[in-house]
Amino acid sequence: MSLNTNDGSKVYTPLSLSLYDWWVLKISNNYAWHCNTDKFLIPHFKFHLGNNHMDIGVGTGFYLKKSADKINKITLSDLNVHSLECAKKYISDEKLNSCLCHDIFNRFTGQLRGVFDSVSIFYLLHCLPGKMSDKKQAIINITETLKDDGILYGATILGEGVKH
């Protein structure tokens, strides 16, 4: 099966990104998913943030903006250049290691393997094509970037049959 990862990222245009935080993080999270962003997701992001962090699926950079004082070193990774441009404006140059336009169904380069204390994937898994069994390779590729004691964390939208 060939997975088209571009389908999940092409909706993030400058216009859609300008509305994203309000629609997804304020309206949808509170009323559709019953998961308040300020009460649950921001603390979750900050709690697991390591000294050398990679954020994958950066969106608008919302969580980075809310955590700027806690970030030491960070690498941004996304398949969408609009998202990368939007997110990197919240990171100072001395804290930004790199900004990667990368498809996580492909392995990261050797210099990125085993180096991160933490990797966040907020609202990424439900944007990836296929079933969870198809997404396994992306998760394997991401975990290769972690140090032995590193942590992979995030949040995603669950499908049918789950009480929100």
Protein backbone atom coordinates (compact mmCIF):
# COMPACT_ATOMS: atom_id res chain seq x y z
CA MET A 1 0.00 0.00 0.00
CA SER A 2 1.33 3.42 -0.93
CA LEU A 3 0.55 6.14 1.60
CA ASN A 4 0.17 9.72 0.36
CA THR A 5 1.35 11.80 3.28
CA ASN A 6 0.90 15.07 1.42
CA ASP A 7 -2.91 14.81 1.64
CA GLY A 8 -2.82 15.29 5.42
CA SER A 9 -0.55 18.32 5.27
CA LYS A 10 -1.77 20.29 2.26
CA VAL A 11 -4.77 21.72 4.14
CA TYR A 12 -2.39 23.85 6.23
CA THR A 13 -2.26 27.00 4.15
CA PRO A 14 -1.50 30.47 5.53
CA LEU A 15 -5.27 31.10 5.66
CA SER A 16 -6.15 27.86 7.46
CA LEU A 17 -3.25 28.34 9.89
CA SER A 18 -4.55 31.82 10.76
CA LEU A 19 -7.82 30.21 11.92
CA TYR A 20 -6.40 26.97 13.34
CA ASP A 21 -5.74 27.97 16.96
CA TRP A 22 -9.20 29.49 17.38
CA TRP A 23 -11.10 26.69 15.63
CA VAL A 24 -9.18 23.61 16.80
CA LEU A 25 -7.64 24.60 20.14
CA LYS A 26 -10.50 26.74 21.46
CA ILE A 27 -13.73 25.55 19.84
CA SER A 28 -13.17 21.90 18.83
CA ASN A 29 -11.09 20.92 21.86
CA ASN A 30 -13.60 22.34 24.33
CA TYR A 31 -16.89 21.42 22.69
CA ALA A 32 -16.26 18.41 20.43
CA TRP A 33 -13.46 16.60 22.26
CA HIS A 34 -14.05 17.90 25.83
CA CYS A 35 -10.31 18.38 26.28
CA ASN A 36 -9.52 21.92 27.36
CA THR A 37 -6.26 23.10 25.79
CA ASP A 38 -5.20 25.34 28.71
CA LYS A 39 -6.12 22.84 31.42
CA PHE A 40 -4.80 19.63 29.86
CA LEU A 41 -2.74 19.96 26.69
CA ILE A 42 -0.42 22.88 27.48
CA PRO A 43 0.59 21.39 30.86
CA HIS A 44 1.10 17.99 29.15
CA PHE A 45 3.34 19.60 26.52
CA LYS A 46 5.42 21.51 29.09
CA PHE A 47 5.73 18.62 31.56
CA HIS A 48 7.44 16.29 29.09
CA LEU A 49 9.56 18.91 27.30
CA GLY A 50 13.22 17.88 27.46
CA ASN A 51 16.39 19.97 27.14
CA ASN A 52 16.93 18.91 23.52
CA HIS A 53 13.47 18.63 21.99
CA MET A 54 11.99 17.90 18.55
CA ASP A 55 8.45 19.00 17.71
CA ILE A 56 6.95 17.05 14.79
CA GLY A 57 3.79 18.30 13.11
CA VAL A 58 4.33 21.82 14.40
CA GLY A 59 1.01 23.31 13.28
CA THR A 60 1.03 27.01 14.13
CA GLY A 61 3.67 26.74 16.84
CA PHE A 62 0.98 27.27 19.49
CA TYR A 63 2.52 24.91 22.07
CA LEU A 64 5.99 26.29 21.39
CA LYS A 65 4.74 29.83 21.96
CA LYS A 66 3.16 28.78 25.26
CA SER A 67 6.39 27.02 26.30
CA ALA A 68 9.04 29.42 24.99
CA ASP A 69 10.49 30.01 28.48
CA LYS A 70 11.03 26.25 28.96
CA ILE A 71 12.68 25.53 25.60
CA ASN A 72 16.46 25.10 25.61
CA LYS A 73 17.21 23.53 22.21
CA ILE A 74 14.63 22.58 19.62
CA THR A 75 14.32 21.05 16.18
CA LEU A 76 11.12 21.58 14.19
CA SER A 77 9.91 18.96 11.72
CA ASP A 78 6.88 19.07 9.47
CA LEU A 79 5.94 18.10 5.94
CA ASN A 80 4.36 21.52 5.37
CA VAL A 81 6.59 24.56 4.86
CA HIS A 82 3.79 26.96 5.83
CA SER A 83 3.56 25.31 9.25
CA LEU A 84 7.33 25.42 9.69
CA GLU A 85 7.43 29.12 8.84
CA CYS A 86 4.54 29.86 11.17
CA ALA A 87 6.04 27.91 14.09
CA LYS A 88 9.65 29.01 13.87
CA LYS A 89 8.78 32.64 14.52
CA TYR A 90 8.21 31.67 18.19
CA ILE A 91 11.70 30.25 18.64
CA SER A 92 14.77 32.42 19.11
CA ASP A 93 17.68 31.73 16.77
CA GLU A 94 19.96 30.57 19.59
CA LYS A 95 17.42 27.88 20.62
CA LEU A 96 16.52 26.64 17.12
CA ASN A 97 18.75 23.72 16.08
CA SER A 98 17.09 23.13 12.73
CA CYS A 99 13.87 23.34 10.79
CA LEU A 100 13.21 20.19 8.73
CA CYS A 101 10.70 19.64 5.96
CA HIS A 102 10.47 15.87 6.46
CA ASP A 103 8.06 13.00 5.81
CA ILE A 104 8.05 10.88 8.97
CA PHE A 105 7.31 7.74 6.96
CA ASN A 106 10.99 8.07 6.01
CA ARG A 107 13.82 7.60 8.50
CA PHE A 108 15.59 10.64 9.86
CA THR A 109 19.28 11.08 9.00
CA GLY A 110 21.87 9.40 11.19
CA GLN A 111 22.89 12.67 12.83
CA LEU A 112 19.34 12.97 14.23
CA ARG A 113 19.15 9.45 15.65
CA GLY A 114 19.48 9.01 19.39
CA VAL A 115 19.91 12.70 20.20
CA PHE A 116 16.60 14.04 21.55
CA ASP A 117 15.46 14.05 25.16
CA SER A 118 11.87 14.46 24.01
CA VAL A 119 9.78 14.44 20.86
CA SER A 120 6.23 15.80 20.71
CA ILE A 121 3.59 14.80 18.17
CA PHE A 122 0.51 16.86 19.02
CA TYR A 123 -2.43 16.26 16.67
CA LEU A 124 -0.25 14.41 14.19
CA LEU A 125 -1.31 10.75 14.18
CA HIS A 126 -4.87 11.39 12.99
CA CYS A 127 -3.48 13.42 10.04
CA LEU A 128 -1.37 10.51 8.81
CA PRO A 129 -2.84 8.23 6.14
CA GLY A 130 -3.82 4.65 6.83
CA LYS A 131 -4.67 2.59 9.88
CA MET A 132 -2.60 2.52 13.07
CA SER A 133 -0.78 -0.54 11.73
CA ASP A 134 0.27 1.58 8.71
CA LYS A 135 1.44 4.38 11.02
CA LYS A 136 3.74 2.01 12.90
CA GLN A 137 6.69 2.82 10.61
CA ALA A 138 6.33 6.55 11.28
CA ILE A 139 6.38 5.90 15.03
CA ILE A 140 9.45 3.68 14.67
CA ASN A 141 11.20 6.40 12.68
CA ILE A 142 10.37 8.99 15.33
CA THR A 143 11.51 6.84 18.25
CA GLU A 144 14.90 6.34 16.55
CA THR A 145 15.58 10.03 17.17
CA LEU A 146 15.24 9.65 20.95
CA LYS A 147 17.99 9.05 23.47
CA ASP A 148 17.66 5.75 25.34
CA ASP A 149 15.77 7.49 28.15
CA GLY A 150 13.94 9.92 25.85
CA ILE A 151 10.17 10.36 25.76
CA LEU A 152 7.72 10.46 22.85
CA TYR A 153 4.47 12.19 23.77
CA GLY A 154 1.52 14.01 22.27
CA ALA A 155 -2.21 14.02 21.74
CA THR A 156 -4.46 13.04 18.85
CA ILE A 157 -8.11 12.81 17.87
CA LEU A 158 -9.58 9.37 18.42
CA GLY A 159 -12.05 7.85 15.99
CA GLU A 160 -15.47 6.31 16.29
CA GLY A 161 -16.48 4.22 19.28
CA VAL A 162 -14.52 6.32 21.78
CA LYS A 163 -16.20 8.48 24.39
CA HIS A 164 -14.76 11.97 24.23
